Amino acid sequence: MSEFYKLEIDRHFARLEARLPPWPARFVAWLRRPSSRYVRIPLAILLIFGGIFSFLPVLGLWMLPLGLLLFAQDVPPLQKPTAQLLGWIERKWLERQRARRAR
């Protein structure tokens, strides 16, 4: 069952990569490789801490979810809630777009 959630997270990452410019998309693709685990985990921790201290200049709240998303790649207990949250966000986003088109 956890493989389903990992695949769901991968699907969301693939959609993100498709929307990014080429250089950041290549970096995200490299970061998601299994061989990049030793870079991904410390980067995820740094992003989480940066998000916690978002009141400081340069750091922002955007760093927290990105760090959790990267961390979920390697921590199976985080995969289910992360995949569910991403699915919920996607559904709400699509509903909002449909409502805009209906106007």
N, C-alpha and C. Protein backbone atom coordinates (compact mmCIF):
# COMPACT_ATOMS: atom_id res chain seq x y z
N MET A 1 0.82 -1.20 0.00
CA MET A 1 0.00 0.00 0.00
C MET A 1 0.86 1.26 0.00
N SER A 2 2.00 1.23 0.72
CA SER A 2 2.83 2.42 0.77
C SER A 2 3.44 2.72 -0.61
N GLU A 3 3.58 1.68 -1.45
CA GLU A 3 4.10 1.90 -2.80
C GLU A 3 3.14 2.79 -3.59
N PHE A 4 1.84 2.65 -3.34
CA PHE A 4 0.85 3.51 -4.00
C PHE A 4 1.10 4.97 -3.67
N TYR A 5 1.34 5.26 -2.42
CA TYR A 5 1.55 6.64 -1.99
C TYR A 5 2.86 7.20 -2.55
N LYS A 6 3.89 6.35 -2.62
CA LYS A 6 5.15 6.80 -3.21
C LYS A 6 4.95 7.12 -4.69
N LEU A 7 4.19 6.30 -5.39
CA LEU A 7 3.89 6.57 -6.80
C LEU A 7 3.09 7.86 -6.96
N GLU A 8 2.19 8.10 -6.04
CA GLU A 8 1.37 9.33 -6.09
C GLU A 8 2.25 10.56 -5.88
N ILE A 9 3.18 10.49 -4.95
CA ILE A 9 4.12 11.60 -4.74
C ILE A 9 4.98 11.80 -5.99
N ASP A 10 5.43 10.69 -6.59
CA ASP A 10 6.22 10.79 -7.82
C ASP A 10 5.42 11.46 -8.94
N ARG A 11 4.13 11.16 -9.02
CA ARG A 11 3.29 11.78 -10.04
C ARG A 11 3.21 13.29 -9.84
N HIS A 12 3.08 13.71 -8.62
CA HIS A 12 3.03 15.16 -8.34
C HIS A 12 4.37 15.83 -8.64
N PHE A 13 5.46 15.15 -8.31
CA PHE A 13 6.78 15.69 -8.65
C PHE A 13 6.95 15.81 -10.16
N ALA A 14 6.48 14.81 -10.90
CA ALA A 14 6.60 14.84 -12.36
C ALA A 14 5.81 16.02 -12.94
N ARG A 15 4.64 16.29 -12.39
CA ARG A 15 3.85 17.44 -12.85
C ARG A 15 4.59 18.75 -12.53
N LEU A 16 5.21 18.81 -11.37
CA LEU A 16 5.98 19.99 -11.00
C LEU A 16 7.14 20.19 -11.96
N GLU A 17 7.87 19.12 -12.25
CA GLU A 17 9.00 19.20 -13.17
C GLU A 17 8.57 19.68 -14.54
N ALA A 18 7.40 19.24 -15.00
CA ALA A 18 6.91 19.62 -16.32
C ALA A 18 6.61 21.12 -16.40
N ARG A 19 6.30 21.72 -15.29
CA ARG A 19 5.95 23.15 -15.28
C ARG A 19 7.15 24.06 -15.01
N LEU A 20 8.25 23.49 -14.59
CA LEU A 20 9.43 24.29 -14.27
C LEU A 20 10.24 24.58 -15.53
N PRO A 21 11.02 25.67 -15.52
CA PRO A 21 11.98 25.89 -16.61
C PRO A 21 13.01 24.75 -16.64
N PRO A 22 13.74 24.59 -17.74
CA PRO A 22 14.64 23.43 -17.89
C PRO A 22 15.66 23.22 -16.78
N TRP A 23 16.38 24.27 -16.37
CA TRP A 23 17.42 24.06 -15.36
C TRP A 23 16.84 23.59 -14.02
N PRO A 24 15.84 24.26 -13.45
CA PRO A 24 15.29 23.76 -12.18
C PRO A 24 14.65 22.38 -12.33
N ALA A 25 14.06 22.10 -13.48
CA ALA A 25 13.45 20.79 -13.70
C ALA A 25 14.51 19.69 -13.67
N ARG A 26 15.66 19.94 -14.28
CA ARG A 26 16.74 18.96 -14.24
C ARG A 26 17.26 18.76 -12.81
N PHE A 27 17.34 19.85 -12.06
CA PHE A 27 17.80 19.75 -10.67
C PHE A 27 16.82 18.92 -9.84
N VAL A 28 15.53 19.17 -9.99
CA VAL A 28 14.52 18.40 -9.24
C VAL A 28 14.57 16.93 -9.64
N ALA A 29 14.71 16.66 -10.94
CA ALA A 29 14.81 15.27 -11.40
C ALA A 29 16.04 14.59 -10.80
N TRP A 30 17.18 15.30 -10.77
CA TRP A 30 18.38 14.74 -10.16
C TRP A 30 18.18 14.51 -8.67
N LEU A 31 17.54 15.45 -8.02
CA LEU A 31 17.32 15.37 -6.57
C LEU A 31 16.42 14.19 -6.21
N ARG A 32 15.52 13.81 -7.10
CA ARG A 32 14.59 12.71 -6.83
C ARG A 32 15.21 11.33 -7.05
N ARG A 33 16.36 11.26 -7.70
CA ARG A 33 17.00 9.96 -7.95
C ARG A 33 17.38 9.30 -6.63
N PRO A 34 17.31 7.98 -6.56
CA PRO A 34 17.73 7.28 -5.33
C PRO A 34 19.18 7.58 -4.94
N SER A 35 20.03 7.80 -5.92
CA SER A 35 21.44 8.06 -5.60
C SER A 35 21.64 9.44 -4.96
N SER A 36 20.66 10.30 -5.02
CA SER A 36 20.77 11.65 -4.44
C SER A 36 20.24 11.72 -3.01
N ARG A 37 20.00 10.58 -2.42
CA ARG A 37 19.41 10.53 -1.08
C ARG A 37 20.23 11.31 -0.05
N TYR A 38 21.56 11.23 -0.16
CA TYR A 38 22.41 11.88 0.83
C TYR A 38 22.48 13.39 0.64
N VAL A 39 21.96 13.88 -0.43
CA VAL A 39 21.82 15.33 -0.64
C VAL A 39 20.39 15.74 -0.30
N ARG A 40 19.43 14.90 -0.70
CA ARG A 40 18.01 15.20 -0.52
C ARG A 40 17.62 15.34 0.95
N ILE A 41 18.08 14.43 1.79
CA ILE A 41 17.67 14.47 3.20
C ILE A 41 18.19 15.72 3.91
N PRO A 42 19.50 16.04 3.82
CA PRO A 42 19.95 17.29 4.47
C PRO A 42 19.27 18.54 3.89
N LEU A 43 19.05 18.55 2.56
CA LEU A 43 18.37 19.69 1.94
C LEU A 43 16.95 19.81 2.48
N ALA A 44 16.26 18.68 2.63
CA ALA A 44 14.90 18.70 3.17
C ALA A 44 14.90 19.25 4.60
N ILE A 45 15.85 18.82 5.41
CA ILE A 45 15.93 19.31 6.79
C ILE A 45 16.21 20.81 6.81
N LEU A 46 17.12 21.28 5.96
CA LEU A 46 17.40 22.71 5.88
C LEU A 46 16.17 23.51 5.45
N LEU A 47 15.43 22.99 4.49
CA LEU A 47 14.22 23.68 4.04
C LEU A 47 13.17 23.73 5.16
N ILE A 48 13.02 22.64 5.89
CA ILE A 48 12.06 22.61 7.00
C ILE A 48 12.44 23.64 8.06
N PHE A 49 13.71 23.67 8.44
CA PHE A 49 14.15 24.67 9.42
C PHE A 49 14.01 26.08 8.88
N GLY A 50 14.30 26.27 7.61
CA GLY A 50 14.12 27.59 6.99
C GLY A 50 12.66 28.01 7.01
N GLY A 51 11.76 27.07 6.81
CA GLY A 51 10.33 27.38 6.86
C GLY A 51 9.86 27.71 8.26
N ILE A 52 10.45 27.06 9.24
CA ILE A 52 10.08 27.35 10.63
C ILE A 52 10.50 28.77 11.00
N PHE A 53 11.66 29.20 10.48
CA PHE A 53 12.16 30.54 10.77
C PHE A 53 11.82 31.52 9.65
N SER A 54 10.62 31.41 9.12
CA SER A 54 10.22 32.22 7.96
C SER A 54 10.07 33.70 8.30
N PHE A 55 10.09 34.04 9.57
CA PHE A 55 9.99 35.46 9.94
C PHE A 55 11.29 36.21 9.65
N LEU A 56 12.37 35.47 9.41
CA LEU A 56 13.65 36.10 9.08
C LEU A 56 13.69 36.48 7.60
N PRO A 57 14.49 37.50 7.25
CA PRO A 57 14.60 37.86 5.83
C PRO A 57 15.15 36.70 5.00
N VAL A 58 14.75 36.61 3.78
CA VAL A 58 15.17 35.60 2.79
C VAL A 58 14.44 34.27 2.97
N LEU A 59 14.28 33.84 4.20
CA LEU A 59 13.59 32.58 4.44
C LEU A 59 12.09 32.79 4.28
N GLY A 60 11.38 31.74 3.88
CA GLY A 60 9.95 31.90 3.68
C GLY A 60 9.19 30.66 4.07
N LEU A 61 7.91 30.82 4.25
CA LEU A 61 7.04 29.71 4.62
C LEU A 61 6.98 28.66 3.51
N TRP A 62 7.26 29.05 2.28
CA TRP A 62 7.26 28.11 1.16
C TRP A 62 8.26 26.99 1.35
N MET A 63 9.27 27.22 2.17
CA MET A 63 10.32 26.23 2.37
C MET A 63 9.83 25.02 3.17
N LEU A 64 8.88 25.23 4.05
CA LEU A 64 8.39 24.14 4.91
C LEU A 64 7.73 23.03 4.10
N PRO A 65 6.72 23.31 3.28
CA PRO A 65 6.11 22.20 2.53
C PRO A 65 7.07 21.55 1.54
N LEU A 66 7.94 22.33 0.94
CA LEU A 66 8.91 21.76 0.01
C LEU A 66 9.85 20.81 0.74
N GLY A 67 10.31 21.20 1.91
CA GLY A 67 11.16 20.31 2.71
C GLY A 67 10.45 19.04 3.13
N LEU A 68 9.18 19.16 3.54
CA LEU A 68 8.41 17.97 3.92
C LEU A 68 8.19 17.06 2.72
N LEU A 69 7.96 17.64 1.56
CA LEU A 69 7.76 16.86 0.35
C LEU A 69 9.03 16.07 0.00
N LEU A 70 10.17 16.72 0.08
CA LEU A 70 11.43 16.03 -0.18
C LEU A 70 11.71 14.96 0.88
N PHE A 71 11.40 15.26 2.12
CA PHE A 71 11.63 14.32 3.22
C PHE A 71 10.74 13.08 3.07
N ALA A 72 9.53 13.28 2.57
CA ALA A 72 8.58 12.17 2.39
C ALA A 72 9.08 11.16 1.37
N GLN A 73 9.97 11.58 0.47
CA GLN A 73 10.54 10.64 -0.50
C GLN A 73 11.26 9.48 0.21
N ASP A 74 11.82 9.75 1.38
CA ASP A 74 12.65 8.75 2.06
C ASP A 74 12.07 8.24 3.38
N VAL A 75 10.99 8.82 3.85
CA VAL A 75 10.41 8.42 5.14
C VAL A 75 9.01 7.87 4.89
N PRO A 76 8.87 6.53 4.82
CA PRO A 76 7.58 5.93 4.49
C PRO A 76 6.38 6.40 5.33
N PRO A 77 6.52 6.63 6.64
CA PRO A 77 5.34 7.10 7.39
C PRO A 77 4.81 8.47 6.93
N LEU A 78 5.64 9.27 6.28
CA LEU A 78 5.21 10.57 5.77
C LEU A 78 4.58 10.49 4.39
N GLN A 79 4.75 9.35 3.70
CA GLN A 79 4.28 9.26 2.32
C GLN A 79 2.76 9.30 2.22
N LYS A 80 2.06 8.57 3.08
CA LYS A 80 0.60 8.56 3.01
C LYS A 80 0.00 9.94 3.26
N PRO A 81 0.33 10.61 4.38
CA PRO A 81 -0.28 11.94 4.59
C PRO A 81 0.14 12.95 3.53
N THR A 82 1.37 12.84 3.03
CA THR A 82 1.82 13.78 1.99
C THR A 82 1.05 13.55 0.70
N ALA A 83 0.90 12.29 0.31
CA ALA A 83 0.15 11.98 -0.91
C ALA A 83 -1.31 12.41 -0.77
N GLN A 84 -1.91 12.19 0.39
CA GLN A 84 -3.29 12.59 0.60
C GLN A 84 -3.44 14.11 0.55
N LEU A 85 -2.50 14.82 1.15
CA LEU A 85 -2.54 16.28 1.13
C LEU A 85 -2.37 16.82 -0.29
N LEU A 86 -1.44 16.25 -1.04
CA LEU A 86 -1.25 16.68 -2.43
C LEU A 86 -2.49 16.40 -3.27
N GLY A 87 -3.13 15.26 -3.03
CA GLY A 87 -4.37 14.94 -3.74
C GLY A 87 -5.48 15.92 -3.41
N TRP A 88 -5.58 16.27 -2.14
CA TRP A 88 -6.60 17.24 -1.71
C TRP A 88 -6.35 18.61 -2.35
N ILE A 89 -5.09 19.04 -2.35
CA ILE A 89 -4.74 20.32 -2.95
C ILE A 89 -5.06 20.30 -4.45
N GLU A 90 -4.73 19.21 -5.10
CA GLU A 90 -5.01 19.10 -6.54
C GLU A 90 -6.52 19.16 -6.82
N ARG A 91 -7.32 18.45 -6.03
CA ARG A 91 -8.78 18.49 -6.21
C ARG A 91 -9.32 19.90 -6.01
N LYS A 92 -8.87 20.59 -4.97
CA LYS A 92 -9.34 21.95 -4.71
C LYS A 92 -8.92 22.89 -5.83
N TRP A 93 -7.71 22.73 -6.33
CA TRP A 93 -7.22 23.56 -7.43
C TRP A 93 -8.08 23.36 -8.67
N LEU A 94 -8.39 22.10 -9.00
CA LEU A 94 -9.22 21.81 -10.17
C LEU A 94 -10.64 22.35 -10.00
N GLU A 95 -11.19 22.21 -8.79
CA GLU A 95 -12.53 22.76 -8.53
C GLU A 95 -12.53 24.28 -8.72
N ARG A 96 -11.49 24.91 -8.25
CA ARG A 96 -11.40 26.37 -8.38
C ARG A 96 -11.30 26.79 -9.86
N GLN A 97 -10.51 26.04 -10.64
CA GLN A 97 -10.40 26.35 -12.06
C GLN A 97 -11.73 26.14 -12.78
N ARG A 98 -12.45 25.07 -12.45
CA ARG A 98 -13.76 24.83 -13.06
C ARG A 98 -14.74 25.93 -12.70
N ALA A 99 -14.70 26.39 -11.47
CA ALA A 99 -15.61 27.47 -11.05
C ALA A 99 -15.29 28.76 -11.79
N ARG A 100 -14.03 29.03 -12.02
CA ARG A 100 -13.64 30.24 -12.77
C ARG A 100 -14.14 30.16 -14.21
N ARG A 101 -14.01 28.98 -14.83
CA ARG A 101 -14.46 28.82 -16.21
C ARG A 101 -15.97 28.92 -16.33
N ALA A 102 -16.68 28.50 -15.28
CA ALA A 102 -18.13 28.52 -15.31
C ALA A 102 -18.69 29.95 -15.24
N ARG A 103 -17.91 30.89 -14.73
CA ARG A 103 -18.37 32.27 -14.60
C ARG A 103 -18.50 32.93 -15.90
